[in-house]
């Protein structure tokens, strides 16, 4: 289950969905800020991928 979440967090569609949900709840941000949020999220998911063990070991 954990690896599935990590894979989903790496997908751009997941980040677009997060932004859409935030917008639906009234959180708005400029396109520049949205790009920064996506960049940080992508970087964090990359770090998680680098430091996570594969195969549940």
C-alpha atoms as a PDB file:
ATOM      1  CA  UNK A   1       0.000   0.000   0.000  1.00  0.00           C
ATOM      2  CA  UNK A   2       2.805   2.433   0.895  1.00  0.00           C
ATOM      3  CA  UNK A   3       4.569   1.931  -2.440  1.00  0.00           C
ATOM      4  CA  UNK A   4       1.300   2.601  -4.250  1.00  0.00           C
ATOM      5  CA  UNK A   5       0.994   5.968  -2.507  1.00  0.00           C
ATOM      6  CA  UNK A   6       4.550   6.842  -3.438  1.00  0.00           C
ATOM      7  CA  UNK A   7       3.865   5.981  -7.059  1.00  0.00           C
ATOM      8  CA  UNK A   8       0.705   8.090  -7.042  1.00  0.00           C
ATOM      9  CA  UNK A   9       2.582  11.034  -5.520  1.00  0.00           C
ATOM     10  CA  UNK A  10       4.999  10.947  -8.430  1.00  0.00           C
ATOM     11  CA  UNK A  11       2.237  11.369 -10.989  1.00  0.00           C
ATOM     12  CA  UNK A  12       1.527  14.891 -12.253  1.00  0.00           C
ATOM     13  CA  UNK A  13      -2.186  14.088 -12.308  1.00  0.00           C
ATOM     14  CA  UNK A  14      -2.100  13.592  -8.542  1.00  0.00           C
ATOM     15  CA  UNK A  15      -0.690  17.081  -8.031  1.00  0.00           C
ATOM     16  CA  UNK A  16      -3.222  18.558 -10.442  1.00  0.00           C
ATOM     17  CA  UNK A  17      -5.947  16.812  -8.466  1.00  0.00           C
ATOM     18  CA  UNK A  18      -4.611  18.262  -5.207  1.00  0.00           C
ATOM     19  CA  UNK A  19      -4.641  21.737  -6.719  1.00  0.00           C
ATOM     20  CA  UNK A  20      -8.196  21.201  -7.990  1.00  0.00           C
ATOM     21  CA  UNK A  21      -9.362  20.073  -4.555  1.00  0.00           C
ATOM     22  CA  UNK A  22      -7.710  23.067  -2.921  1.00  0.00           C
ATOM     23  CA  UNK A  23      -9.417  25.328  -5.442  1.00  0.00           C
ATOM     24  CA  UNK A  24     -12.769  23.685  -4.760  1.00  0.00           C
ATOM     25  CA  UNK A  25     -12.336  24.468  -1.068  1.00  0.00           C
ATOM     26  CA  UNK A  26     -11.561  28.097  -1.791  1.00  0.00           C
ATOM     27  CA  UNK A  27      -7.766  28.042  -1.720  1.00  0.00           C
ATOM     28  CA  UNK A  28      -6.428  30.018  -4.647  1.00  0.00           C
ATOM     29  CA  UNK A  29      -2.893  30.621  -5.770  1.00  0.00           C
ATOM     30  CA  UNK A  30      -1.112  32.205  -8.651  1.00  0.00           C
ATOM     31  CA  UNK A  31       0.207  30.007 -11.469  1.00  0.00           C
ATOM     32  CA  UNK A  32       3.753  30.720 -10.276  1.00  0.00           C
ATOM     33  CA  UNK A  33       2.920  29.538  -6.764  1.00  0.00           C
ATOM     34  CA  UNK A  34       1.186  26.460  -8.138  1.00  0.00           C
ATOM     35  CA  UNK A  35       4.312  25.618 -10.151  1.00  0.00           C
ATOM     36  CA  UNK A  36       6.414  26.011  -7.006  1.00  0.00           C
ATOM     37  CA  UNK A  37       4.106  23.710  -5.051  1.00  0.00           C
ATOM     38  CA  UNK A  38       4.279  21.078  -7.792  1.00  0.00           C
ATOM     39  CA  UNK A  39       8.075  21.420  -7.978  1.00  0.00           C
ATOM     40  CA  UNK A  40       8.460  21.006  -4.221  1.00  0.00           C
ATOM     41  CA  UNK A  41       6.063  18.059  -4.175  1.00  0.00           C
ATOM     42  CA  UNK A  42       7.884  16.386  -7.037  1.00  0.00           C
ATOM     43  CA  UNK A  43      11.214  16.940  -5.313  1.00  0.00           C
ATOM     44  CA  UNK A  44       9.911  15.518  -2.039  1.00  0.00           C
ATOM     45  CA  UNK A  45       8.500  12.453  -3.752  1.00  0.00           C
ATOM     46  CA  UNK A  46      11.875  12.009  -5.473  1.00  0.00           C
ATOM     47  CA  UNK A  47      13.652  12.152  -2.119  1.00  0.00           C
ATOM     48  CA  UNK A  48      11.246   9.629  -0.688  1.00  0.00           C
ATOM     49  CA  UNK A  49      11.973   7.382  -3.658  1.00  0.00           C
ATOM     50  CA  UNK A  50      15.727   7.722  -3.168  1.00  0.00           C
ATOM     51  CA  UNK A  51      15.656   6.911   0.543  1.00  0.00           C
ATOM     52  CA  UNK A  52      12.879   4.296   0.530  1.00  0.00           C
ATOM     53  CA  UNK A  53      13.656   0.638   0.398  1.00  0.00           C
ATOM     54  CA  UNK A  54      12.149  -1.436  -2.375  1.00  0.00           C
ATOM     55  CA  UNK A  55      10.203  -4.616  -1.824  1.00  0.00           C
ATOM     56  CA  UNK A  56       9.333  -3.885   1.807  1.00  0.00           C
ATOM     57  CA  UNK A  57      12.781  -4.847   3.071  1.00  0.00           C
END
